[in-house]
Every structure is written in structure tokens, then in C-alpha cells.
Amino acid sequence: MSRPLPQHTTSRWSKSEGPGPSRVLRLVKFLAHGGVASRRKAEVIIGNGRVTVGGEVVKDPARDVDQGSDVRVDGSPVGVEAHEVWALNKPAGVVSTAREPGERPAVVELVDSEARLYPVGRLDAESTGLLLLTNNGELANRLTHPRYGVAKTYRAELHRPPSDRDLERLRRGVSLEDGVTAPAQVKRLKAREVEIVLREGRNRQVRRMVEAVGNRVVALQRVRFGSLALGRLAEGGSRRLSEEEIARLWKDAEL
């Protein structure tokens, strides 16, 4: 039986954030601003012939369109909706997907919004803490792309106290099956608790890094994403970010 979902907490509603859409946009950017997908995924959608403009299939991502162009994906109209960015304190057992076909709740169910939100990166089901959700594909792409190196801070409780040598190995980078990790900031908080700051986002990276030095993560929480801190947001709680907070995220992503 699935447990009841926590109540939502919200901040004030803000206007469209980040570089706003102009009157005429390239098709790929129009789809990203419309919350369809990131620009990279939107290019694939266009290339697969799933997009029509004025009733005709268009495969050129640079095609100029505007709100009156009747842009559709798989027959459904696309408009440039107001952008939203939300912070969520993800509980354990909730999956970081837009929707979940199984019994486990998905993160979008914890956010009180009618927008087509999707998570910015992921936390595995058993990890907790700060997760961002948005319908702004351009911002999501910049916050997660390794090129921009936006820092993400985690607190990890380990199975046993790590040695100083273990911590130094984590700082320098460890060898995983998908390559050596980039240098990380690592410091000891308590005997078995460490803080790790990463600027890349591989799948289950913190857990795999700790396993590479012969230890195991018992509990993992993300406490910061770029300039945004988890703060006192209650577990399962969510809030819409202010324009000032979103502007700082754009700055984190070098724009």
C-alpha cells in the first residue's frame, strides 16, 4: 500500500524566469521553452518527424516559429507556457521521474503545479534532499550538463569511519566502470559522516565512489544545488522559487 503524500508548501508565484522567449524563436528553442523537452531531446523529436508547423511536418530545428505558428508534437499543440522552477525535499522511496507506472510515488506528485514539470537530474529512490523540478528545458540542460560544472553538495552517512587516505582518494578521483571521477571536494563532518561536492552527475555517483574505496553509504542527502540550499524545507515539502533565486541558478550555469 502506498503511503499518503506529504502536504505542499509554496512560496510566492513568480513570472517567467530566465531568458524569456522573443516573438520569433527557432523551433528547437520554442519546444524547450514550451516545456516539451531539453533542446537536445527536442532536436531528436524534430528529427523523428513528430513536429508539425501549420499542419506540415518540419525537420529543421532552426525553423523560425512564434505563438501563432500552430506548433504541434504528435498532434498536441505546444505553447510557450510560463516557466516554473520548484525546490523539493525528496523523501526516501519516491522516484525522480515525471511519472511512475508502479506503486511508488513520483516526485511530480509532491508539487502543487499544473505545469508539465520534470526533475532536473535525479536522486535515486532511497536518497533524500534537494531536487529541482522545472518546465524550462534550457535551464535544466545547463544545470545538469557537465560543461557548466554546477556544484551539487551531498551529506553521506557511511557504514564505517573513512580513513584520511579514503577521503584523499575521493578528492583526487576514483576509477569507476564508466571512467575516473573528476576531482571532488570532500570533508569529514562526523566520524561516519562526510560532505561531498561534485561537479558532474553520473548515476548513483556518490554511492559508487564510496564503494570504490571499500565502504558503503548508509544514508545520502543532497543539501545544495548550485547556489540553492535545502534549508529548512520540510521532508516532502515543495516551494516555487523566487525570481531572485532563479536568476542565481542561471548565474550558476554561466548565463
Protein backbone atom coordinates (compact mmCIF):
# COMPACT_ATOMS: atom_id res chain seq x y z
CA MET A 1 0.00 0.00 0.00
CA SER A 2 1.40 3.40 -0.94
CA ARG A 3 1.69 5.93 1.90
CA PRO A 4 -0.12 9.30 1.85
CA LEU A 5 1.79 12.07 0.13
CA PRO A 6 3.03 14.97 2.27
CA GLN A 7 1.37 18.36 2.03
CA HIS A 8 2.93 21.08 -0.11
CA THR A 9 4.38 24.40 0.99
CA THR A 10 4.71 27.13 -1.58
CA SER A 11 6.43 30.47 -1.88
CA ARG A 12 5.07 33.42 -3.87
CA TRP A 13 4.35 32.86 -7.55
CA SER A 14 6.84 34.45 -9.91
CA LYS A 15 6.71 35.47 -13.56
CA SER A 16 8.51 33.75 -16.41
CA GLU A 17 12.14 33.23 -15.47
CA GLY A 18 15.44 33.24 -17.28
CA PRO A 19 15.96 34.46 -20.82
CA GLY A 20 12.35 34.81 -21.94
CA PRO A 21 11.01 33.81 -25.36
CA SER A 22 11.08 36.50 -28.06
CA ARG A 23 8.33 36.94 -30.67
CA VAL A 24 10.14 34.61 -33.07
CA LEU A 25 12.12 31.58 -31.89
CA ARG A 26 13.91 28.71 -33.53
CA LEU A 27 11.71 25.62 -33.41
CA VAL A 28 14.02 23.70 -31.09
CA LYS A 29 14.06 26.58 -28.63
CA PHE A 30 10.29 27.01 -28.90
CA LEU A 31 9.83 23.37 -27.83
CA ALA A 32 12.27 23.79 -24.94
CA HIS A 33 10.53 26.93 -23.72
CA GLY A 34 7.20 25.14 -24.11
CA GLY A 35 8.29 22.51 -21.59
CA VAL A 36 8.37 19.69 -24.16
CA ALA A 37 11.98 18.65 -23.59
CA SER A 38 15.51 19.96 -23.36
CA ARG A 39 16.96 21.37 -26.58
CA ARG A 40 18.97 18.21 -27.20
CA LYS A 41 15.93 15.96 -26.84
CA ALA A 42 13.79 18.42 -28.80
CA GLU A 43 16.18 18.07 -31.75
CA VAL A 44 15.60 14.31 -31.69
CA ILE A 45 11.85 14.78 -31.55
CA ILE A 46 12.02 17.13 -34.55
CA GLY A 47 14.33 14.80 -36.48
CA ASN A 48 11.90 11.92 -35.96
CA GLY A 49 9.18 13.85 -37.79
CA ARG A 50 6.96 14.23 -34.74
CA VAL A 51 6.62 18.01 -35.04
CA THR A 52 4.29 19.90 -37.36
CA VAL A 53 4.11 23.63 -38.03
CA GLY A 54 0.89 24.82 -39.61
CA GLY A 55 -0.05 21.22 -40.35
CA GLU A 56 3.20 20.34 -42.15
CA VAL A 57 5.94 18.09 -40.78
CA VAL A 58 9.10 20.11 -40.09
CA LYS A 59 12.50 18.51 -39.50
CA ASP A 60 14.56 21.70 -39.41
CA PRO A 61 15.25 22.63 -35.74
CA ALA A 62 16.26 26.14 -36.85
CA ARG A 63 12.86 26.90 -38.41
CA ASP A 64 11.53 30.24 -37.12
CA VAL A 65 8.18 29.99 -35.33
CA ASP A 66 6.06 32.03 -32.93
CA GLN A 67 2.92 31.60 -30.88
CA GLY A 68 0.74 31.87 -34.00
CA SER A 69 2.57 29.14 -35.95
CA ASP A 70 0.42 26.25 -34.70
CA VAL A 71 3.33 24.12 -33.49
CA ARG A 72 2.33 20.59 -32.51
CA VAL A 73 4.10 17.49 -31.21
CA ASP A 74 2.36 14.21 -32.02
CA GLY A 75 -0.73 16.29 -32.81
CA SER A 76 -0.80 18.12 -29.46
CA PRO A 77 -0.39 21.92 -29.60
CA VAL A 78 2.66 23.49 -27.97
CA GLY A 79 2.67 26.97 -26.47
CA VAL A 80 5.33 28.86 -24.58
CA GLU A 81 3.98 28.46 -21.07
CA ALA A 82 5.25 30.44 -18.12
CA HIS A 83 8.38 28.87 -16.71
CA GLU A 84 8.38 27.46 -13.21
CA VAL A 85 11.20 26.16 -11.03
CA TRP A 86 10.45 24.31 -7.82
CA ALA A 87 12.57 23.04 -4.94
CA LEU A 88 11.54 19.75 -3.35
CA ASN A 89 12.87 17.95 -0.29
CA LYS A 90 12.59 14.43 -1.70
CA PRO A 91 11.76 11.69 0.83
CA ALA A 92 13.13 8.17 0.54
CA GLY A 93 11.03 5.82 -1.56
CA VAL A 94 9.96 8.49 -4.06
CA VAL A 95 11.32 8.13 -7.59
CA SER A 96 12.85 11.01 -9.56
CA THR A 97 10.70 10.70 -12.66
CA ALA A 98 7.88 12.70 -14.16
CA ARG A 99 5.57 9.71 -13.74
CA GLU A 100 5.90 6.24 -12.26
CA PRO A 101 3.99 3.26 -13.68
CA GLY A 102 4.43 1.25 -10.47
CA GLU A 103 3.17 1.77 -6.94
CA ARG A 104 5.93 4.13 -5.80
CA PRO A 105 5.06 7.84 -5.86
CA ALA A 106 6.92 10.12 -8.29
CA VAL A 107 8.42 13.48 -7.38
CA VAL A 108 5.98 15.44 -9.55
CA GLU A 109 3.17 14.22 -7.29
CA LEU A 110 4.67 16.24 -4.44
CA VAL A 111 4.47 19.58 -6.28
CA ASP A 112 1.25 21.58 -6.44
CA SER A 113 1.51 22.81 -10.04
CA GLU A 114 -0.44 22.37 -13.26
CA ALA A 115 2.72 22.85 -15.37
CA ARG A 116 4.42 19.93 -17.11
CA LEU A 117 7.34 19.68 -14.71
CA TYR A 118 10.22 17.23 -14.83
CA PRO A 119 13.16 16.73 -12.46
CA VAL A 120 16.49 18.44 -13.06
CA GLY A 121 18.80 15.44 -12.81
CA ARG A 122 17.92 12.67 -10.40
CA LEU A 123 18.29 11.30 -6.91
CA ASP A 124 17.99 7.53 -6.58
CA ALA A 125 14.88 6.27 -4.83
CA GLU A 126 16.50 5.82 -1.41
CA SER A 127 18.37 9.14 -1.42
CA THR A 128 16.76 12.25 0.03
CA GLY A 129 17.10 16.01 -0.12
CA LEU A 130 17.09 18.84 -2.60
CA LEU A 131 15.70 18.15 -6.05
CA LEU A 132 14.74 20.81 -8.60
CA LEU A 133 11.79 20.48 -10.97
CA THR A 134 11.04 22.75 -13.90
CA ASN A 135 9.40 23.10 -17.29
CA ASN A 136 12.33 25.20 -18.55
CA GLY A 137 14.33 22.81 -20.75
CA GLU A 138 17.16 25.27 -21.35
CA LEU A 139 17.77 25.88 -17.64
CA ALA A 140 17.52 22.16 -16.86
CA ASN A 141 20.08 21.34 -19.53
CA ARG A 142 22.54 23.96 -18.29
CA LEU A 143 22.22 22.89 -14.66
CA THR A 144 22.94 19.25 -15.48
CA HIS A 145 25.40 19.41 -18.40
CA PRO A 146 29.00 18.60 -17.31
CA ARG A 147 30.24 21.51 -19.41
CA TYR A 148 28.87 24.02 -16.89
CA GLY A 149 30.04 22.14 -13.79
CA VAL A 150 27.27 23.29 -11.45
CA ALA A 151 28.17 22.11 -7.95
CA LYS A 152 25.94 19.70 -6.05
CA THR A 153 26.57 19.10 -2.34
CA TYR A 154 25.76 15.85 -0.54
CA ARG A 155 25.97 14.60 3.03
CA ALA A 156 26.62 10.90 3.29
CA GLU A 157 26.49 8.67 6.35
CA LEU A 158 28.90 5.77 5.83
CA HIS A 159 28.94 2.22 7.13
CA ARG A 160 32.28 2.75 8.86
CA PRO A 161 34.50 5.78 9.55
CA PRO A 162 36.57 6.57 6.44
CA SER A 163 40.33 6.91 6.76
CA ASP A 164 42.16 10.07 5.75
CA ARG A 165 43.55 8.09 2.82
CA ASP A 166 40.00 7.19 1.72
CA LEU A 167 38.98 10.84 1.77
CA GLU A 168 42.02 11.85 -0.23
CA ARG A 169 41.25 9.22 -2.86
CA LEU A 170 37.71 10.56 -3.16
CA ARG A 171 39.09 14.09 -3.58
CA ARG A 172 41.52 13.09 -6.33
CA GLY A 173 39.05 10.86 -8.20
CA VAL A 174 38.40 7.14 -8.18
CA SER A 175 38.10 4.66 -11.02
CA LEU A 176 34.54 3.53 -11.81
CA GLU A 177 33.26 1.34 -14.63
CA ASP A 178 32.38 4.49 -16.61
CA GLY A 179 35.75 6.18 -16.05
CA VAL A 180 37.69 8.08 -13.42
CA THR A 181 35.66 10.63 -11.47
CA ALA A 182 36.56 14.31 -11.57
CA PRO A 183 38.22 15.89 -8.51
CA ALA A 184 35.73 16.49 -5.71
CA GLN A 185 35.60 18.49 -2.51
CA VAL A 186 35.36 16.10 0.44
CA LYS A 187 35.43 16.83 4.15
CA ARG A 188 34.68 14.89 7.30
CA LEU A 189 31.71 16.15 9.31
CA LYS A 190 31.49 13.40 11.93
CA ALA A 191 33.16 10.04 12.46
CA ARG A 192 30.99 8.35 9.82
CA GLU A 193 29.55 11.40 8.04
CA VAL A 194 31.15 13.24 5.12
CA GLU A 195 30.26 16.12 2.84
CA ILE A 196 30.96 15.65 -0.87
CA VAL A 197 30.71 18.35 -3.54
CA LEU A 198 30.52 17.10 -7.14
CA ARG A 199 30.51 18.99 -10.44
CA GLU A 200 29.45 16.01 -12.55
CA GLY A 201 26.30 13.92 -12.35
CA ARG A 202 26.82 10.23 -13.02
CA ASN A 203 24.25 7.65 -12.00
CA ARG A 204 24.48 6.86 -8.24
CA GLN A 205 27.88 8.52 -8.27
CA VAL A 206 28.37 9.19 -4.55
CA ARG A 207 27.40 5.64 -3.63
CA ARG A 208 29.71 4.16 -6.26
CA MET A 209 32.61 6.41 -5.26
CA VAL A 210 32.30 5.34 -1.64
CA GLU A 211 32.13 1.68 -2.66
CA ALA A 212 35.30 2.18 -4.72
CA VAL A 213 37.23 2.95 -1.52
CA GLY A 214 35.84 -0.10 0.27
CA ASN A 215 32.98 1.50 2.19
CA ARG A 216 29.21 1.82 1.84
CA VAL A 217 26.68 4.67 2.02
CA VAL A 218 24.03 4.13 4.67
CA ALA A 219 22.12 7.38 4.09
CA LEU A 220 22.54 10.06 1.44
CA GLN A 221 21.06 13.56 1.31
CA ARG A 222 21.60 16.37 -1.21
CA VAL A 223 21.75 19.65 0.69
CA ARG A 224 22.67 22.14 -2.06
CA PHE A 225 22.30 22.53 -5.82
CA GLY A 226 24.46 25.38 -7.08
CA SER A 227 23.61 28.48 -5.05
CA LEU A 228 20.35 27.00 -3.75
CA ALA A 229 20.41 25.36 -0.31
CA LEU A 230 17.86 22.87 1.01
CA GLY A 231 17.48 24.97 4.16
CA ARG A 232 14.52 24.19 6.39
CA LEU A 233 12.20 22.87 3.70
CA ALA A 234 10.29 20.02 5.34
CA GLU A 235 10.72 16.49 4.03
CA GLY A 236 8.19 16.01 1.26
CA GLY A 237 7.63 19.77 1.09
CA SER A 238 7.99 21.83 -2.06
CA ARG A 239 8.10 25.53 -2.91
CA ARG A 240 8.25 27.57 -6.07
CA LEU A 241 11.48 29.55 -6.37
CA SER A 242 11.53 33.33 -6.45
CA GLU A 243 12.81 35.27 -9.44
CA GLU A 244 15.95 36.15 -7.48
CA GLU A 245 16.70 32.50 -6.70
CA ILE A 246 16.21 31.51 -10.33
CA ALA A 247 18.44 34.33 -11.50
CA ARG A 248 21.19 32.94 -9.27
CA LEU A 249 20.70 29.48 -10.80
CA TRP A 250 21.16 30.99 -14.29
CA LYS A 251 24.36 32.59 -12.98
CA ASP A 252 25.49 29.20 -11.61
CA ALA A 253 25.03 27.88 -15.14
CA GLU A 254 27.20 30.66 -16.55
CA LEU A 255 24.41 32.72 -18.09
